[in-house]
Amino acid sequence: MTRFALLLLLAAVLAAPAAFAQVACGSRLFVSGYFSTVHVFDACTGAYLQDLDTRTRIQGAMAVRLGPDGFLFVVSEETSQVLKYRNDTLAYVGEFAATGPIGPTGLVFDSAGKAYVAGYRSQDVKRFSATGAAEGAVFAARAGGLGGPDNGLSFGPDGNLYVPGYDTHNVVKWDPRTGLASEALAPRSGGIRNTRGLLPTKDGAGFFVTAEGSGQLLRWNLSTGELVQLRGGLSRPTGIDFAPDGNLLVVDGESVVKIDPATGTTLSTVVAPGRVSGPVFVAVIAKATSTVDAAQVGSQFWVVGDAVFAGRVLDVPGAYTAQGTAFGPDLRFSELAIRRWGAIRFELLTCTTARFTYDSTGAGSAGFGAGGYDLTRFFEDEGTQRCRERGVDHADKSWVNGQWWGGPSRAGEGIFVDRRADGTAFLAWFTHRPR
């Protein structure tokens, strides 16, 4: 290639971003298809991106919410579960809570990180801790005239929890300060049938409401009680949320349309019919962004377990990790969720070398993978000398205490072994998530 041609090629490459670059959308649109799964779209253009998961796992998809820990939470009504997914990669994390046969529909979190799940069959709202532990119902079944609590469950600007009554065509509110439930919107107000979606308005005055049976989109002012129809004639409107541009996204039949929140006029079709089967919920959620300085810290975490040496081998069938609380004044040991990570095997070869293998595959594991590598002692000490004098097979294994590593090629990782007086050896592995 001549120098002139090379310069032209470089000029074209440098000019291309300015001419053709498009600003990436910062949010995804999640649409729950009750008879399909949760489908993921570009929230700005409506372009299909992927399915969040298969119907094998998500059955009867309902509410999708961003949790206080930054993960995505999905209600799977037919399996009576709340499932958890990463908001960056959309990878499945695990079950957050098993709700029991309550017919879970709606999901919302309070400022303390507790989860509230509407039970269509149980006719109430159940509360779960930040780690998914059941804490019981927050009010009695059918309190306040509630029937068929649905997935529009939402906290209002006044701090009360509002629950749409699908079967009773009303809305019930629960005051967390008093624990009392009462009727907030009388049955069939404004002609509504089958109350479904509740979306807090941006001015903090009340809610947008969808009424599936009557095909309505309404605006409800909490302080005055005024209920105004913005739009009629919709086909079974259910899910509702704000689009990135401030307009409303509303389920209309088998599609999702964009509606002007001031006039109720349909502006465009964002998701056309054919992709989602039985759409019941929409959620616009900002993509995960990290504020962590990657130059300073990475994806480090600890895996720990304990066992008793059998000869030269320390088999740890249950190695664990933990999550669910925060350091400092917010540390709550009761909120810790201890998760089985997988299995670890530590086999002594000499007084200064060992073989390390791990298996984190299959059910009941973190899905980290399987592998292994050889270790050497990071420091030789008095224990090393004692081992050389007695031999590696001596019954006293206290000499193993200390730090082991995989050499320069495994820099950033380390194994810590501490053999207690009762013969149990505690092993801690400091490692990183695989990329």
Foldseek 3Di string as FASTA:
>chain_A
DDPVVVVVVVVCVVCVCVVDPDDAQQWWKWWQFQCWGIWIARLVQLHGDGGLDGCVPQHRWADWDQFPVRWIWIQRQVQQFIFTAHLAPSHGFGTQERRPNQRWHAWDADPQRKIWTDRQRQQFIWIADNRHHTDGTLDHHCAQNAHRFHHQFDQALVRWIWTQRQQQQFIWTAHPVVSHIHTQGHHCVVNAHRKAHWDYDPVRQGTWTARQVFQWTWTAGRVVRDIGTLDGDFHRWAAWDARPVGFIWIDGPQWTFTAHPVRRDTDGTSGDHDPGHHTHYMDMGGRDDDPDDCVVDAFKFKWKAKDFDDQQKGKGQFIWGWDFFDDDPGDDPVRIDIAGAGIKMWGDDFLFKIKIWTAQDDPRHRHQGIDIAMKGAPDQDVLSVVCVVVDSRDPDPQSVAHKIDRPPVQPPKIWGWGQDPVRMIMIMIMHGRDD
